[in-house]
């Protein structure tokens, strides 16, 4: 017997997901209205969102923020506009064997969706 192939759905994501395991703090309000802060992992990240593995259940549409911890770094002439805090809304929550997999859509994409490239500073000509 042949396995039936599912028709492929068109990809709806605007940005490619990167399979990076990044330690993050997720902060917000749980289903009981209590504020929380949980150390967890982002399993993949794109310019538009992230997939998080959390221990606690959070309802879809929950507004949360991610805090990306980083060690202090010396001032070496590089820009100081690194993203460390991201706000967003949960769009999916799937129970897994040991955690909940939460799809987070960032409130503001990390790059310009029209170009698919990082935003560049505009310089005026003199």
PDB file of N, CA and C in Angstrom:
ATOM      1  N   UNK A   1       0.843  -1.174   0.000  1.00  0.00           N
ATOM      2  CA  UNK A   1       0.000   0.000   0.000  1.00  0.00           C
ATOM      3  C   UNK A   1       0.891   1.241   0.000  1.00  0.00           C
ATOM      4  N   UNK A   2       0.584   2.208  -0.836  1.00  0.00           N
ATOM      5  CA  UNK A   2       1.364   3.430  -0.913  1.00  0.00           C
ATOM      6  C   UNK A   2       0.872   4.441   0.109  1.00  0.00           C
ATOM      7  N   UNK A   3       1.817   5.162   0.651  1.00  0.00           N
ATOM      8  CA  UNK A   3       1.460   6.234   1.585  1.00  0.00           C
ATOM      9  C   UNK A   3       0.872   7.394   0.781  1.00  0.00           C
ATOM     10  N   UNK A   4      -0.198   7.966   1.298  1.00  0.00           N
ATOM     11  CA  UNK A   4      -0.804   9.097   0.614  1.00  0.00           C
ATOM     12  C   UNK A   4      -0.004  10.356   0.918  1.00  0.00           C
ATOM     13  N   UNK A   5       0.247  11.118  -0.102  1.00  0.00           N
ATOM     14  CA  UNK A   5       0.971  12.369   0.064  1.00  0.00           C
ATOM     15  C   UNK A   5      -0.015  13.491   0.326  1.00  0.00           C
ATOM     16  N   UNK A   6       0.317  14.290   1.295  1.00  0.00           N
ATOM     17  CA  UNK A   6      -0.502  15.465   1.585  1.00  0.00           C
ATOM     18  C   UNK A   6      -0.194  16.550   0.575  1.00  0.00           C
ATOM     19  N   UNK A   7      -1.214  17.253   0.121  1.00  0.00           N
ATOM     20  CA  UNK A   7      -0.900  18.387  -0.751  1.00  0.00           C
ATOM     21  C   UNK A   7      -0.150  19.439   0.048  1.00  0.00           C
ATOM     22  N   UNK A   8       0.891  19.981  -0.555  1.00  0.00           N
ATOM     23  CA  UNK A   8       1.689  20.977   0.157  1.00  0.00           C
ATOM     24  C   UNK A   8       0.976  22.314   0.152  1.00  0.00           C
ATOM     25  N   UNK A   9       0.926  22.907   1.342  1.00  0.00           N
ATOM     26  CA  UNK A   9       0.340  24.236   1.473  1.00  0.00           C
ATOM     27  C   UNK A   9       1.401  25.268   1.152  1.00  0.00           C
ATOM     28  N   UNK A  10       0.989  26.362   0.580  1.00  0.00           N
ATOM     29  CA  UNK A  10       1.982  27.414   0.319  1.00  0.00           C
ATOM     30  C   UNK A  10       2.528  27.974   1.633  1.00  0.00           C
ATOM     31  N   UNK A  11       3.787  28.284   1.636  1.00  0.00           N
ATOM     32  CA  UNK A  11       4.431  28.857   2.826  1.00  0.00           C
ATOM     33  C   UNK A  11       3.880  30.252   3.073  1.00  0.00           C
ATOM     34  N   UNK A  12       3.388  30.482   4.294  1.00  0.00           N
ATOM     35  CA  UNK A  12       2.823  31.791   4.635  1.00  0.00           C
ATOM     36  C   UNK A  12       3.807  32.673   5.379  1.00  0.00           C
ATOM     37  N   UNK A  13       4.884  32.105   5.857  1.00  0.00           N
ATOM     38  CA  UNK A  13       5.842  32.900   6.618  1.00  0.00           C
ATOM     39  C   UNK A  13       6.587  33.862   5.703  1.00  0.00           C
ATOM     40  N   UNK A  14       6.816  35.050   6.215  1.00  0.00           N
ATOM     41  CA  UNK A  14       7.546  36.052   5.443  1.00  0.00           C
ATOM     42  C   UNK A  14       9.052  35.901   5.594  1.00  0.00           C
ATOM     43  N   UNK A  15       9.487  35.294   6.695  1.00  0.00           N
ATOM     44  CA  UNK A  15      10.910  35.202   6.987  1.00  0.00           C
ATOM     45  C   UNK A  15      11.295  33.766   7.300  1.00  0.00           C
ATOM     46  N   UNK A  16      12.494  33.417   6.917  1.00  0.00           N
ATOM     47  CA  UNK A  16      13.030  32.093   7.180  1.00  0.00           C
ATOM     48  C   UNK A  16      13.318  31.932   8.671  1.00  0.00           C
ATOM     49  N   UNK A  17      12.997  30.757   9.196  1.00  0.00           N
ATOM     50  CA  UNK A  17      13.303  30.470  10.599  1.00  0.00           C
ATOM     51  C   UNK A  17      14.721  29.924  10.710  1.00  0.00           C
ATOM     52  N   UNK A  18      15.408  30.383  11.728  1.00  0.00           N
ATOM     53  CA  UNK A  18      16.768  29.900  11.992  1.00  0.00           C
ATOM     54  C   UNK A  18      16.722  28.970  13.201  1.00  0.00           C
ATOM     55  N   UNK A  19      17.207  27.747  13.068  1.00  0.00           N
ATOM     56  CA  UNK A  19      17.142  26.784  14.177  1.00  0.00           C
ATOM     57  C   UNK A  19      18.225  27.051  15.224  1.00  0.00           C
ATOM     58  N   UNK A  20      18.029  28.112  16.001  1.00  0.00           N
ATOM     59  CA  UNK A  20      18.980  28.509  17.039  1.00  0.00           C
ATOM     60  C   UNK A  20      18.341  28.314  18.401  1.00  0.00           C
ATOM     61  N   UNK A  21      18.994  27.606  19.283  1.00  0.00           N
ATOM     62  CA  UNK A  21      18.508  27.474  20.654  1.00  0.00           C
ATOM     63  C   UNK A  21      19.105  28.623  21.467  1.00  0.00           C
ATOM     64  N   UNK A  22      18.249  29.583  21.841  1.00  0.00           N
ATOM     65  CA  UNK A  22      18.712  30.782  22.532  1.00  0.00           C
ATOM     66  C   UNK A  22      18.047  30.853  23.898  1.00  0.00           C
ATOM     67  N   UNK A  23      18.826  30.923  24.984  1.00  0.00           N
ATOM     68  CA  UNK A  23      18.216  31.072  26.306  1.00  0.00           C
ATOM     69  C   UNK A  23      17.588  32.453  26.438  1.00  0.00           C
ATOM     70  N   UNK A  24      16.360  32.504  26.929  1.00  0.00           N
ATOM     71  CA  UNK A  24      15.635  33.759  27.076  1.00  0.00           C
ATOM     72  C   UNK A  24      14.805  33.728  28.357  1.00  0.00           C
ATOM     73  N   UNK A  25      14.433  34.907  28.816  1.00  0.00           N
ATOM     74  CA  UNK A  25      13.412  35.034  29.855  1.00  0.00           C
ATOM     75  C   UNK A  25      12.134  35.436  29.151  1.00  0.00           C
ATOM     76  N   UNK A  26      11.027  34.776  29.485  1.00  0.00           N
ATOM     77  CA  UNK A  26       9.728  35.185  28.976  1.00  0.00           C
ATOM     78  C   UNK A  26       8.984  35.794  30.154  1.00  0.00           C
ATOM     79  N   UNK A  27       8.414  36.963  29.941  1.00  0.00           N
ATOM     80  CA  UNK A  27       7.714  37.689  31.003  1.00  0.00           C
ATOM     81  C   UNK A  27       6.307  38.021  30.527  1.00  0.00           C
ATOM     82  N   UNK A  28       5.382  37.992  31.454  1.00  0.00           N
ATOM     83  CA  UNK A  28       4.009  38.334  31.101  1.00  0.00           C
ATOM     84  C   UNK A  28       3.067  38.073  32.255  1.00  0.00           C
ATOM     85  N   UNK A  29       1.820  37.828  31.909  1.00  0.00           N
ATOM     86  CA  UNK A  29       0.782  37.526  32.891  1.00  0.00           C
ATOM     87  C   UNK A  29       0.184  36.181  32.530  1.00  0.00           C
ATOM     88  N   UNK A  30       0.086  35.270  33.498  1.00  0.00           N
ATOM     89  CA  UNK A  30      -0.426  33.931  33.208  1.00  0.00           C
ATOM     90  C   UNK A  30      -1.950  33.928  33.123  1.00  0.00           C
ATOM     91  N   UNK A  31      -2.525  32.747  32.937  1.00  0.00           N
ATOM     92  CA  UNK A  31      -3.976  32.621  32.757  1.00  0.00           C
ATOM     93  C   UNK A  31      -4.775  33.018  33.998  1.00  0.00           C
ATOM     94  N   UNK A  32      -4.105  33.114  35.154  1.00  0.00           N
ATOM     95  CA  UNK A  32      -4.769  33.509  36.403  1.00  0.00           C
ATOM     96  C   UNK A  32      -4.550  34.986  36.725  1.00  0.00           C
ATOM     97  N   UNK A  33      -3.910  35.713  35.812  1.00  0.00           N
ATOM     98  CA  UNK A  33      -3.677  37.134  36.008  1.00  0.00           C
ATOM     99  C   UNK A  33      -2.448  37.460  36.844  1.00  0.00           C
ATOM    100  N   UNK A  34      -1.622  36.453  37.112  1.00  0.00           N
ATOM    101  CA  UNK A  34      -0.424  36.650  37.934  1.00  0.00           C
ATOM    102  C   UNK A  34       0.790  36.881  37.028  1.00  0.00           C
ATOM    103  N   UNK A  35       1.584  37.916  37.355  1.00  0.00           N
ATOM    104  CA  UNK A  35       2.788  38.190  36.580  1.00  0.00           C
ATOM    105  C   UNK A  35       3.815  37.090  36.811  1.00  0.00           C
ATOM    106  N   UNK A  36       4.579  36.764  35.754  1.00  0.00           N
ATOM    107  CA  UNK A  36       5.590  35.721  35.855  1.00  0.00           C
ATOM    108  C   UNK A  36       6.815  36.117  35.036  1.00  0.00           C
ATOM    109  N   UNK A  37       7.895  35.455  35.341  1.00  0.00           N
ATOM    110  CA  UNK A  37       9.137  35.548  34.576  1.00  0.00           C
ATOM    111  C   UNK A  37       9.746  34.160  34.608  1.00  0.00           C
ATOM    112  N   UNK A  38       9.929  33.559  33.442  1.00  0.00           N
ATOM    113  CA  UNK A  38      10.414  32.179  33.349  1.00  0.00           C
ATOM    114  C   UNK A  38      11.640  32.132  32.447  1.00  0.00           C
ATOM    115  N   UNK A  39      12.655  31.422  32.894  1.00  0.00           N
ATOM    116  CA  UNK A  39      13.840  31.190  32.071  1.00  0.00           C
ATOM    117  C   UNK A  39      13.537  30.009  31.166  1.00  0.00           C
ATOM    118  N   UNK A  40      13.666  30.199  29.870  1.00  0.00           N
ATOM    119  CA  UNK A  40      13.302  29.156  28.923  1.00  0.00           C
ATOM    120  C   UNK A  40      14.198  29.244  27.693  1.00  0.00           C
ATOM    121  N   UNK A  41      13.801  28.575  26.612  1.00  0.00           N
ATOM    122  CA  UNK A  41      14.609  28.543  25.405  1.00  0.00           C
ATOM    123  C   UNK A  41      13.770  28.874  24.183  1.00  0.00           C
ATOM    124  N   UNK A  42      14.294  29.724  23.331  1.00  0.00           N
ATOM    125  CA  UNK A  42      13.721  29.930  21.998  1.00  0.00           C
ATOM    126  C   UNK A  42      14.350  28.852  21.120  1.00  0.00           C
ATOM    127  N   UNK A  43      13.519  28.021  20.496  1.00  0.00           N
ATOM    128  CA  UNK A  43      14.015  26.897  19.700  1.00  0.00           C
ATOM    129  C   UNK A  43      14.341  27.286  18.262  1.00  0.00           C
ATOM    130  N   UNK A  44      13.635  28.278  17.768  1.00  0.00           N
ATOM    131  CA  UNK A  44      13.988  28.860  16.478  1.00  0.00           C
ATOM    132  C   UNK A  44      13.513  30.299  16.463  1.00  0.00           C
ATOM    133  N   UNK A  45      14.144  31.088  15.621  1.00  0.00           N
ATOM    134  CA  UNK A  45      13.872  32.530  15.593  1.00  0.00           C
ATOM    135  C   UNK A  45      13.850  32.989  14.145  1.00  0.00           C
ATOM    136  N   UNK A  46      12.961  33.925  13.853  1.00  0.00           N
ATOM    137  CA  UNK A  46      12.951  34.593  12.546  1.00  0.00           C
ATOM    138  C   UNK A  46      12.786  36.079  12.809  1.00  0.00           C
ATOM    139  N   UNK A  47      12.762  36.863  11.766  1.00  0.00           N
ATOM    140  CA  UNK A  47      12.560  38.301  11.926  1.00  0.00           C
ATOM    141  C   UNK A  47      11.163  38.611  12.441  1.00  0.00           C
ATOM    142  N   UNK A  48      10.228  37.700  12.243  1.00  0.00           N
ATOM    143  CA  UNK A  48       8.847  37.952  12.643  1.00  0.00           C
ATOM    144  C   UNK A  48       8.410  37.301  13.927  1.00  0.00           C
ATOM    145  N   UNK A  49       9.205  36.366  14.463  1.00  0.00           N
ATOM    146  CA  UNK A  49       8.775  35.703  15.683  1.00  0.00           C
ATOM    147  C   UNK A  49       9.735  34.619  16.125  1.00  0.00           C
ATOM    148  N   UNK A  50       9.253  33.785  17.052  1.00  0.00           N
ATOM    149  CA  UNK A  50      10.091  32.733  17.620  1.00  0.00           C
ATOM    150  C   UNK A  50       9.216  31.586  18.103  1.00  0.00           C
ATOM    151  N   UNK A  51       9.812  30.412  18.213  1.00  0.00           N
ATOM    152  CA  UNK A  51       9.158  29.264  18.831  1.00  0.00           C
ATOM    153  C   UNK A  51       9.803  29.060  20.193  1.00  0.00           C
ATOM    154  N   UNK A  52       8.985  29.090  21.250  1.00  0.00           N
ATOM    155  CA  UNK A  52       9.478  28.989  22.618  1.00  0.00           C
ATOM    156  C   UNK A  52       9.026  27.683  23.247  1.00  0.00           C
ATOM    157  N   UNK A  53       9.858  27.134  24.110  1.00  0.00           N
ATOM    158  CA  UNK A  53       9.483  25.969  24.908  1.00  0.00           C
ATOM    159  C   UNK A  53       9.305  26.461  26.341  1.00  0.00           C
ATOM    160  N   UNK A  54       8.070  26.416  26.862  1.00  0.00           N
ATOM    161  CA  UNK A  54       7.802  26.917  28.215  1.00  0.00           C
ATOM    162  C   UNK A  54       7.301  25.797  29.111  1.00  0.00           C
ATOM    163  N   UNK A  55       7.515  25.942  30.402  1.00  0.00           N
ATOM    164  CA  UNK A  55       7.001  24.965  31.370  1.00  0.00           C
ATOM    165  C   UNK A  55       5.544  25.257  31.716  1.00  0.00           C
ATOM    166  N   UNK A  56       5.154  26.498  31.655  1.00  0.00           N
ATOM    167  CA  UNK A  56       3.799  26.877  32.054  1.00  0.00           C
ATOM    168  C   UNK A  56       2.922  27.044  30.828  1.00  0.00           C
ATOM    169  N   UNK A  57       1.635  26.779  31.031  1.00  0.00           N
ATOM    170  CA  UNK A  57       0.665  27.000  29.966  1.00  0.00           C
ATOM    171  C   UNK A  57       0.348  28.484  29.880  1.00  0.00           C
ATOM    172  N   UNK A  58       0.344  29.005  28.674  1.00  0.00           N
ATOM    173  CA  UNK A  58      -0.051  30.387  28.420  1.00  0.00           C
ATOM    174  C   UNK A  58      -1.091  30.357  27.310  1.00  0.00           C
ATOM    175  N   UNK A  59      -2.199  31.061  27.480  1.00  0.00           N
ATOM    176  CA  UNK A  59      -3.228  31.035  26.447  1.00  0.00           C
ATOM    177  C   UNK A  59      -2.786  31.747  25.165  1.00  0.00           C
ATOM    178  N   UNK A  60      -3.343  31.301  24.042  1.00  0.00           N
ATOM    179  CA  UNK A  60      -3.135  31.983  22.772  1.00  0.00           C
ATOM    180  C   UNK A  60      -3.601  33.430  22.943  1.00  0.00           C
ATOM    181  N   UNK A  61      -2.960  34.333  22.292  1.00  0.00           N
ATOM    182  CA  UNK A  61      -3.204  35.786  22.337  1.00  0.00           C
ATOM    183  C   UNK A  61      -2.578  36.454  23.555  1.00  0.00           C
ATOM    184  N   UNK A  62      -1.883  35.696  24.408  1.00  0.00           N
ATOM    185  CA  UNK A  62      -1.187  36.309  25.543  1.00  0.00           C
ATOM    186  C   UNK A  62      -0.106  37.249  25.019  1.00  0.00           C
ATOM    187  N   UNK A  63      -0.020  38.421  25.633  1.00  0.00           N
ATOM    188  CA  UNK A  63       1.056  39.366  25.312  1.00  0.00           C
ATOM    189  C   UNK A  63       2.211  39.064  26.264  1.00  0.00           C
ATOM    190  N   UNK A  64       3.391  38.885  25.693  1.00  0.00           N
ATOM    191  CA  UNK A  64       4.566  38.573  26.489  1.00  0.00           C
ATOM    192  C   UNK A  64       5.741  39.402  25.968  1.00  0.00           C
ATOM    193  N   UNK A  65       6.794  39.403  26.746  1.00  0.00           N
ATOM    194  CA  UNK A  65       8.036  40.007  26.286  1.00  0.00           C
ATOM    195  C   UNK A  65       9.160  39.016  26.523  1.00  0.00           C
ATOM    196  N   UNK A  66      10.133  39.052  25.640  1.00  0.00           N
ATOM    197  CA  UNK A  66      11.327  38.224  25.767  1.00  0.00           C
ATOM    198  C   UNK A  66      12.477  39.111  26.171  1.00  0.00           C
ATOM    199  N   UNK A  67      13.249  38.632  27.104  1.00  0.00           N
ATOM    200  CA  UNK A  67      14.483  39.314  27.487  1.00  0.00           C
ATOM    201  C   UNK A  67      15.619  38.369  27.168  1.00  0.00           C
ATOM    202  N   UNK A  68      16.535  38.818  26.320  1.00  0.00           N
ATOM    203  CA  UNK A  68      17.669  37.993  25.924  1.00  0.00           C
ATOM    204  C   UNK A  68      18.846  38.367  26.813  1.00  0.00           C
ATOM    205  N   UNK A  69      19.259  37.444  27.689  1.00  0.00           N
ATOM    206  CA  UNK A  69      20.389  37.779  28.569  1.00  0.00           C
ATOM    207  C   UNK A  69      21.689  37.818  27.769  1.00  0.00           C
ATOM    208  N   UNK A  70      22.580  38.699  28.155  1.00  0.00           N
ATOM    209  CA  UNK A  70      23.889  38.749  27.516  1.00  0.00           C
ATOM    210  C   UNK A  70      24.916  39.171  28.548  1.00  0.00           C
ATOM    211  N   UNK A  71      26.114  38.709  28.333  1.00  0.00           N
ATOM    212  CA  UNK A  71      27.178  39.106  29.239  1.00  0.00           C
ATOM    213  C   UNK A  71      27.617  40.520  28.878  1.00  0.00           C
ATOM    214  N   UNK A  72      28.164  41.239  29.840  1.00  0.00           N
ATOM    215  CA  UNK A  72      28.640  42.589  29.535  1.00  0.00           C
ATOM    216  C   UNK A  72      29.760  42.511  28.505  1.00  0.00           C
ATOM    217  N   UNK A  73      29.776  43.448  27.586  1.00  0.00           N
ATOM    218  CA  UNK A  73      30.848  43.468  26.601  1.00  0.00           C
ATOM    219  C   UNK A  73      31.497  44.838  26.607  1.00  0.00           C
ATOM    220  N   UNK A  74      32.796  44.867  26.320  1.00  0.00           N
ATOM    221  CA  UNK A  74      33.509  46.148  26.359  1.00  0.00           C
ATOM    222  C   UNK A  74      33.087  47.033  25.204  1.00  0.00           C
ATOM    223  N   UNK A  75      33.242  48.323  25.388  1.00  0.00           N
ATOM    224  CA  UNK A  75      32.958  49.274  24.312  1.00  0.00           C
ATOM    225  C   UNK A  75      34.128  49.246  23.336  1.00  0.00           C
ATOM    226  N   UNK A  76      33.835  48.742  22.158  1.00  0.00           N
ATOM    227  CA  UNK A  76      34.902  48.605  21.166  1.00  0.00           C
ATOM    228  C   UNK A  76      34.535  49.304  19.860  1.00  0.00           C
ATOM    229  N   UNK A  77      33.680  50.297  19.948  1.00  0.00           N
ATOM    230  CA  UNK A  77      33.344  51.065  18.762  1.00  0.00           C
ATOM    231  C   UNK A  77      32.243  50.452  17.918  1.00  0.00           C
ATOM    232  N   UNK A  78      31.595  49.406  18.418  1.00  0.00           N
ATOM    233  CA  UNK A  78      30.484  48.837  17.657  1.00  0.00           C
ATOM    234  C   UNK A  78      29.186  49.449  18.158  1.00  0.00           C
ATOM    235  N   UNK A  79      28.170  49.364  17.340  1.00  0.00           N
ATOM    236  CA  UNK A  79      26.895  49.988  17.669  1.00  0.00           C
ATOM    237  C   UNK A  79      26.301  49.467  18.966  1.00  0.00           C
ATOM    238  N   UNK A  80      25.470  50.289  19.567  1.00  0.00           N
ATOM    239  CA  UNK A  80      24.839  49.906  20.832  1.00  0.00           C
ATOM    240  C   UNK A  80      23.363  49.598  20.632  1.00  0.00           C
ATOM    241  N   UNK A  81      22.943  49.384  19.377  1.00  0.00           N
ATOM    242  CA  UNK A  81      21.530  49.163  19.109  1.00  0.00           C
ATOM    243  C   UNK A  81      21.194  47.674  18.977  1.00  0.00           C
ATOM    244  N   UNK A  82      21.769  46.853  19.842  1.00  0.00           N
ATOM    245  CA  UNK A  82      21.469  45.431  19.847  1.00  0.00           C
ATOM    246  C   UNK A  82      20.099  45.206  20.461  1.00  0.00           C
ATOM    247  N   UNK A  83      19.356  44.273  19.886  1.00  0.00           N
ATOM    248  CA  UNK A  83      18.024  43.949  20.396  1.00  0.00           C
ATOM    249  C   UNK A  83      18.167  42.953  21.543  1.00  0.00           C
ATOM    250  N   UNK A  84      17.632  43.314  22.714  1.00  0.00           N
ATOM    251  CA  UNK A  84      17.651  42.420  23.856  1.00  0.00           C
ATOM    252  C   UNK A  84      16.272  42.220  24.454  1.00  0.00           C
ATOM    253  N   UNK A  85      15.313  43.078  24.137  1.00  0.00           N
ATOM    254  CA  UNK A  85      13.949  42.969  24.640  1.00  0.00           C
ATOM    255  C   UNK A  85      12.995  42.996  23.452  1.00  0.00           C
ATOM    256  N   UNK A  86      12.148  41.993  23.382  1.00  0.00           N
ATOM    257  CA  UNK A  86      11.198  41.877  22.276  1.00  0.00           C
ATOM    258  C   UNK A  86       9.805  41.664  22.834  1.00  0.00           C
ATOM    259  N   UNK A  87       8.840  42.364  22.294  1.00  0.00           N
ATOM    260  CA  UNK A  87       7.453  42.198  22.714  1.00  0.00           C
ATOM    261  C   UNK A  87       6.703  41.468  21.617  1.00  0.00           C
ATOM    262  N   UNK A  88       5.679  40.705  22.034  1.00  0.00           N
ATOM    263  CA  UNK A  88       4.889  39.993  21.042  1.00  0.00           C
ATOM    264  C   UNK A  88       3.650  39.364  21.633  1.00  0.00           C
ATOM    265  N   UNK A  89       2.992  38.581  20.792  1.00  0.00           N
ATOM    266  CA  UNK A  89       1.747  37.909  21.163  1.00  0.00           C
ATOM    267  C   UNK A  89       1.849  36.452  20.741  1.00  0.00           C
ATOM    268  N   UNK A  90       1.364  35.554  21.605  1.00  0.00           N
ATOM    269  CA  UNK A  90       1.373  34.133  21.273  1.00  0.00           C
ATOM    270  C   UNK A  90       0.288  33.849  20.246  1.00  0.00           C
ATOM    271  N   UNK A  91       0.674  33.160  19.176  1.00  0.00           N
ATOM    272  CA  UNK A  91      -0.291  32.836  18.126  1.00  0.00           C
ATOM    273  C   UNK A  91      -0.628  31.347  18.108  1.00  0.00           C
ATOM    274  N   UNK A  92       0.238  30.517  18.683  1.00  0.00           N
ATOM    275  CA  UNK A  92      -0.058  29.085  18.830  1.00  0.00           C
ATOM    276  C   UNK A  92       0.508  28.599  20.151  1.00  0.00           C
ATOM    277  N   UNK A  93      -0.171  27.632  20.744  1.00  0.00           N
ATOM    278  CA  UNK A  93       0.332  26.960  21.945  1.00  0.00           C
ATOM    279  C   UNK A  93       0.016  25.479  21.763  1.00  0.00           C
ATOM    280  N   UNK A  94       1.070  24.647  21.743  1.00  0.00           N
ATOM    281  CA  UNK A  94       0.916  23.213  21.525  1.00  0.00           C
ATOM    282  C   UNK A  94       1.537  22.455  22.681  1.00  0.00           C
ATOM    283  N   UNK A  95       0.742  21.603  23.379  1.00  0.00           N
ATOM    284  CA  UNK A  95       1.343  20.811  24.445  1.00  0.00           C
ATOM    285  C   UNK A  95       2.299  19.785  23.844  1.00  0.00           C
ATOM    286  N   UNK A  96       3.436  19.619  24.474  1.00  0.00           N
ATOM    287  CA  UNK A  96       4.422  18.625  24.078  1.00  0.00           C
ATOM    288  C   UNK A  96       4.628  17.706  25.270  1.00  0.00           C
ATOM    289  N   UNK A  97       5.510  16.755  25.140  1.00  0.00           N
ATOM    290  CA  UNK A  97       5.691  15.768  26.209  1.00  0.00           C
ATOM    291  C   UNK A  97       6.151  16.396  27.525  1.00  0.00           C
ATOM    292  N   UNK A  98       7.076  17.346  27.454  1.00  0.00           N
ATOM    293  CA  UNK A  98       7.631  17.924  28.676  1.00  0.00           C
ATOM    294  C   UNK A  98       7.459  19.434  28.783  1.00  0.00           C
ATOM    295  N   UNK A  99       6.801  20.049  27.796  1.00  0.00           N
ATOM    296  CA  UNK A  99       6.686  21.499  27.807  1.00  0.00           C
ATOM    297  C   UNK A  99       5.538  21.931  26.891  1.00  0.00           C
ATOM    298  N   UNK A 100       5.367  23.221  26.769  1.00  0.00           N
ATOM    299  CA  UNK A 100       4.425  23.799  25.807  1.00  0.00           C
ATOM    300  C   UNK A 100       5.253  24.501  24.738  1.00  0.00           C
ATOM    301  N   UNK A 101       4.914  24.264  23.491  1.00  0.00           N
ATOM    302  CA  UNK A 101       5.579  24.939  22.383  1.00  0.00           C
ATOM    303  C   UNK A 101       4.719  26.131  21.992  1.00  0.00           C
ATOM    304  N   UNK A 102       5.285  27.313  22.147  1.00  0.00           N
ATOM    305  CA  UNK A 102       4.534  28.556  21.949  1.00  0.00           C
ATOM    306  C   UNK A 102       5.094  29.326  20.761  1.00  0.00           C
ATOM    307  N   UNK A 103       4.236  29.568  19.782  1.00  0.00           N
ATOM    308  CA  UNK A 103       4.616  30.385  18.640  1.00  0.00           C
ATOM    309  C   UNK A 103       4.371  31.842  18.960  1.00  0.00           C
ATOM    310  N   UNK A 104       5.418  32.638  18.925  1.00  0.00           N
ATOM    311  CA  UNK A 104       5.352  34.050  19.276  1.00  0.00           C
ATOM    312  C   UNK A 104       5.526  34.899  18.030  1.00  0.00           C
ATOM    313  N   UNK A 105       4.617  35.838  17.801  1.00  0.00           N
ATOM    314  CA  UNK A 105       4.755  36.820  16.721  1.00  0.00           C
ATOM    315  C   UNK A 105       5.195  38.120  17.357  1.00  0.00           C
ATOM    316  N   UNK A 106       6.338  38.639  16.900  1.00  0.00           N
ATOM    317  CA  UNK A 106       6.842  39.894  17.434  1.00  0.00           C
ATOM    318  C   UNK A 106       5.904  41.038  17.076  1.00  0.00           C
ATOM    319  N   UNK A 107       5.792  42.012  17.960  1.00  0.00           N
ATOM    320  CA  UNK A 107       4.967  43.194  17.689  1.00  0.00           C
ATOM    321  C   UNK A 107       5.494  43.980  16.497  1.00  0.00           C
ATOM    322  N   UNK A 108       6.808  44.010  16.363  1.00  0.00           N
ATOM    323  CA  UNK A 108       7.455  44.701  15.251  1.00  0.00           C
ATOM    324  C   UNK A 108       8.529  43.774  14.697  1.00  0.00           C
ATOM    325  N   UNK A 109       8.493  43.473  13.404  1.00  0.00           N
ATOM    326  CA  UNK A 109       9.528  42.601  12.827  1.00  0.00           C
ATOM    327  C   UNK A 109      10.921  43.179  13.035  1.00  0.00           C
ATOM    328  N   UNK A 110      11.886  42.295  13.092  1.00  0.00           N
ATOM    329  CA  UNK A 110      13.265  42.728  13.302  1.00  0.00           C
ATOM    330  C   UNK A 110      13.892  43.319  12.047  1.00  0.00           C
ATOM    331  N   UNK A 111      13.296  43.021  10.872  1.00  0.00           N
ATOM    332  CA  UNK A 111      13.776  43.591   9.616  1.00  0.00           C
ATOM    333  C   UNK A 111      12.585  44.087   8.816  1.00  0.00           C
ATOM    334  N   UNK A 112      12.854  44.868   7.799  1.00  0.00           N
ATOM    335  CA  UNK A 112      11.815  45.415   6.927  1.00  0.00           C
ATOM    336  C   UNK A 112      11.258  44.296   6.053  1.00  0.00           C
ATOM    337  N   UNK A 113       9.963  44.023   6.157  1.00  0.00           N
ATOM    338  CA  UNK A 113       9.353  42.917   5.419  1.00  0.00           C
ATOM    339  C   UNK A 113       9.324  43.158   3.923  1.00  0.00           C
ATOM    340  N   UNK A 114       9.309  44.386   3.500  1.00  0.00           N
ATOM    341  CA  UNK A 114       9.255  44.681   2.078  1.00  0.00           C
ATOM    342  C   UNK A 114      10.527  44.297   1.352  1.00  0.00           C
ATOM    343  N   UNK A 115      11.646  44.419   2.007  1.00  0.00           N
ATOM    344  CA  UNK A 115      12.922  44.149   1.368  1.00  0.00           C
ATOM    345  C   UNK A 115      13.522  42.816   1.788  1.00  0.00           C
ATOM    346  N   UNK A 116      13.130  42.324   2.946  1.00  0.00           N
ATOM    347  CA  UNK A 116      13.739  41.102   3.450  1.00  0.00           C
ATOM    348  C   UNK A 116      15.170  41.314   3.891  1.00  0.00           C
ATOM    349  N   UNK A 117      15.554  42.566   4.063  1.00  0.00           N
ATOM    350  CA  UNK A 117      16.916  42.906   4.462  1.00  0.00           C
ATOM    351  C   UNK A 117      16.855  43.748   5.725  1.00  0.00           C
ATOM    352  N   UNK A 118      17.922  43.752   6.518  1.00  0.00           N
ATOM    353  CA  UNK A 118      17.936  44.620   7.698  1.00  0.00           C
ATOM    354  C   UNK A 118      17.737  46.069   7.298  1.00  0.00           C
ATOM    355  N   UNK A 119      17.092  46.807   8.169  1.00  0.00           N
ATOM    356  CA  UNK A 119      16.901  48.233   7.914  1.00  0.00           C
ATOM    357  C   UNK A 119      18.237  48.938   7.954  1.00  0.00           C
ATOM    358  N   UNK A 120      18.417  49.857   7.024  1.00  0.00           N
ATOM    359  CA  UNK A 120      19.662  50.621   6.969  1.00  0.00           C
ATOM    360  C   UNK A 120      19.361  52.069   7.299  1.00  0.00           C
ATOM    361  N   UNK A 121      20.317  52.716   7.888  1.00  0.00           N
ATOM    362  CA  UNK A 121      20.177  54.132   8.172  1.00  0.00           C
ATOM    363  C   UNK A 121      20.222  54.908   6.869  1.00  0.00           C
ATOM    364  N   UNK A 122      19.386  55.904   6.734  1.00  0.00           N
ATOM    365  CA  UNK A 122      19.364  56.741   5.551  1.00  0.00           C
ATOM    366  C   UNK A 122      20.300  57.919   5.782  1.00  0.00           C
ATOM    367  N   UNK A 123      21.158  58.160   4.837  1.00  0.00           N
ATOM    368  CA  UNK A 123      22.092  59.266   4.941  1.00  0.00           C
ATOM    369  C   UNK A 123      21.664  60.342   3.957  1.00  0.00           C
ATOM    370  N   UNK A 124      21.693  61.577   4.396  1.00  0.00           N
ATOM    371  CA  UNK A 124      21.337  62.671   3.496  1.00  0.00           C
ATOM    372  C   UNK A 124      22.593  63.131   2.765  1.00  0.00           C
ATOM    373  N   UNK A 125      22.417  63.465   1.502  1.00  0.00           N
ATOM    374  CA  UNK A 125      23.565  63.966   0.749  1.00  0.00           C
ATOM    375  C   UNK A 125      23.655  65.479   0.961  1.00  0.00           C
ATOM    376  N   UNK A 126      24.846  65.944   1.076  1.00  0.00           N
ATOM    377  CA  UNK A 126      25.079  67.363   1.330  1.00  0.00           C
ATOM    378  C   UNK A 126      25.560  68.051   0.102  1.00  0.00           C
TER     379      UNK A 126
END
